[in-house]
């Protein structure tokens, strides 16, 4: 039997946790935070959801298999290292560009792309393990 209090709290907390995770991700290459911590916060949000609604409901909300997310994250992280090699710089050197025009532009670089890859990989690993453990525990009951 699921707790209606936990379900209500999850509906309020999950969007806040996901927004906080994006904040941590975008802040991470200049200050504490980053892809790893942001990925853990997203994972915590989905584990909370799985506790409140069940693993199957959480998998539907996630909309992609967690192990697929892991593979995508590793590919993105590796892909962030390739541009520097293509322009003749050492492998995984940071390259920076400006998104926007003039003073309104936002500097974007390959470290952010690497952080996004780590973010996705951490979500994939943690949720794969957590969903599997929750499934096993529920089958034993």
Protein backbone atom coordinates (compact mmCIF):
# COMPACT_ATOMS: atom_id res chain seq x y z
CA UNK A 1 0.00 0.00 0.00
CA UNK A 2 1.37 3.40 -1.02
CA UNK A 3 1.30 6.43 1.25
CA UNK A 4 -0.77 9.34 -0.07
CA UNK A 5 1.37 11.73 1.99
CA UNK A 6 4.54 10.45 0.32
CA UNK A 7 2.91 10.65 -3.12
CA UNK A 8 1.82 14.24 -2.50
CA UNK A 9 5.27 15.20 -1.22
CA UNK A 10 6.85 13.54 -4.26
CA UNK A 11 4.69 15.55 -6.65
CA UNK A 12 5.97 18.73 -4.98
CA UNK A 13 9.60 17.72 -4.42
CA UNK A 14 10.43 16.01 -7.71
CA UNK A 15 10.26 19.13 -9.92
CA UNK A 16 12.26 21.08 -7.34
CA UNK A 17 14.93 18.38 -7.17
CA UNK A 18 15.18 18.22 -10.97
CA UNK A 19 15.50 22.00 -11.22
CA UNK A 20 18.17 22.00 -8.50
CA UNK A 21 20.04 19.27 -10.39
CA UNK A 22 20.12 21.38 -13.55
CA UNK A 23 21.40 24.32 -11.48
CA UNK A 24 24.17 22.14 -10.04
CA UNK A 25 25.06 20.83 -13.49
CA UNK A 26 25.36 24.29 -15.08
CA UNK A 27 27.24 25.77 -12.12
CA UNK A 28 29.65 22.88 -11.72
CA UNK A 29 32.57 23.75 -13.96
CA UNK A 30 33.05 27.13 -12.25
CA UNK A 31 32.04 26.31 -8.67
CA UNK A 32 31.12 23.31 -6.51
CA UNK A 33 28.61 21.07 -8.23
CA UNK A 34 28.80 19.54 -11.66
CA UNK A 35 27.62 16.50 -13.51
CA UNK A 36 28.30 13.98 -10.76
CA UNK A 37 26.43 15.80 -8.00
CA UNK A 38 23.63 16.83 -10.36
CA UNK A 39 23.24 13.23 -11.51
CA UNK A 40 22.97 12.07 -7.91
CA UNK A 41 20.22 14.61 -7.23
CA UNK A 42 18.24 13.47 -10.30
CA UNK A 43 18.70 9.86 -9.20
CA UNK A 44 17.46 10.72 -5.71
CA UNK A 45 14.37 12.34 -7.25
CA UNK A 46 13.57 9.21 -9.26
CA UNK A 47 14.25 6.91 -6.30
CA UNK A 48 11.83 9.02 -4.27
CA UNK A 49 9.30 8.63 -7.10
CA UNK A 50 9.89 4.87 -7.21
CA UNK A 51 9.33 4.67 -3.46
CA UNK A 52 6.08 6.59 -3.71
CA UNK A 53 4.63 5.14 -6.93
CA UNK A 54 6.59 1.99 -7.75
CA UNK A 55 9.46 1.21 -10.09
CA UNK A 56 7.32 0.72 -13.19
CA UNK A 57 5.75 4.16 -12.81
CA UNK A 58 9.21 5.69 -12.37
CA UNK A 59 10.50 3.93 -15.48
CA UNK A 60 7.56 5.38 -17.44
CA UNK A 61 8.28 8.88 -16.09
CA UNK A 62 11.98 8.52 -16.97
CA UNK A 63 10.92 7.64 -20.57
CA UNK A 64 14.27 5.98 -21.38
CA UNK A 65 15.90 2.86 -20.02
CA UNK A 66 18.47 3.76 -17.36
CA UNK A 67 21.16 1.56 -18.92
CA UNK A 68 20.63 3.33 -22.25
CA UNK A 69 21.11 6.62 -20.42
CA UNK A 70 24.43 5.29 -19.14
CA UNK A 71 25.62 4.53 -22.67
CA UNK A 72 24.51 7.91 -23.96
CA UNK A 73 26.31 9.64 -21.09
CA UNK A 74 29.56 7.80 -21.76
CA UNK A 75 29.30 8.64 -25.47
CA UNK A 76 28.71 12.33 -24.74
CA UNK A 77 31.64 12.45 -22.31
CA UNK A 78 33.91 10.81 -24.87
CA UNK A 79 32.54 13.08 -27.60
CA UNK A 80 33.51 16.13 -25.56
CA UNK A 81 37.15 15.09 -25.81
CA UNK A 82 37.23 14.78 -29.58
CA UNK A 83 36.93 18.45 -30.69
CA UNK A 84 40.26 19.37 -29.10
CA UNK A 85 41.98 16.46 -30.85
CA UNK A 86 40.39 17.49 -34.17
CA UNK A 87 41.85 21.00 -33.97
CA UNK A 88 45.32 19.72 -33.03
CA UNK A 89 45.24 20.41 -29.29
CA UNK A 90 45.96 17.78 -26.62
CA UNK A 91 43.21 15.23 -26.02
CA UNK A 92 40.50 16.57 -23.64
CA UNK A 93 41.78 20.16 -23.75
CA UNK A 94 39.03 22.65 -23.07
CA UNK A 95 37.67 24.57 -26.04
CA UNK A 96 35.43 27.56 -25.46
CA UNK A 97 32.92 29.37 -27.63
CA UNK A 98 30.38 32.10 -27.09
CA UNK A 99 26.66 31.34 -27.26
CA UNK A 100 24.96 34.59 -28.21
CA UNK A 101 26.30 37.96 -29.31
CA UNK A 102 28.52 40.52 -27.64
CA UNK A 103 28.19 41.09 -23.91
CA UNK A 104 24.96 39.07 -23.80
CA UNK A 105 26.83 35.94 -24.93
CA UNK A 106 27.32 33.02 -22.59
CA UNK A 107 30.66 31.21 -22.69
CA UNK A 108 30.11 27.51 -23.44
CA UNK A 109 32.86 24.96 -23.64
CA UNK A 110 33.70 21.32 -23.85
CA UNK A 111 33.93 21.01 -20.03
CA UNK A 112 30.16 21.60 -19.90
CA UNK A 113 29.61 18.90 -22.53
CA UNK A 114 31.78 16.54 -20.48
CA UNK A 115 29.74 17.41 -17.36
CA UNK A 116 26.52 16.61 -19.24
CA UNK A 117 27.98 13.22 -20.16
CA UNK A 118 28.93 12.53 -16.54
CA UNK A 119 25.46 13.73 -15.47
CA UNK A 120 23.73 11.25 -17.77
CA UNK A 121 26.12 8.39 -16.92
CA UNK A 122 25.64 8.85 -13.16
CA UNK A 123 21.85 8.89 -13.56
CA UNK A 124 22.06 5.73 -15.66
CA UNK A 125 24.29 3.83 -13.23
CA UNK A 126 22.49 4.82 -10.04
CA UNK A 127 18.99 4.22 -11.41
CA UNK A 128 19.93 0.90 -12.99
CA UNK A 129 21.21 -0.34 -9.63
CA UNK A 130 18.41 1.24 -7.56
CA UNK A 131 15.58 -0.01 -9.77
CA UNK A 132 17.07 -3.49 -9.78
CA UNK A 133 17.38 -3.53 -5.98
CA UNK A 134 13.84 -2.22 -5.51
CA UNK A 135 12.52 -4.90 -7.91
CA UNK A 136 14.33 -7.66 -6.02
CA UNK A 137 13.11 -6.37 -2.64
CA UNK A 138 9.52 -6.17 -3.84
CA UNK A 139 9.64 -9.72 -5.25
CA UNK A 140 10.86 -11.07 -1.91
CA UNK A 141 7.85 -9.63 -0.05
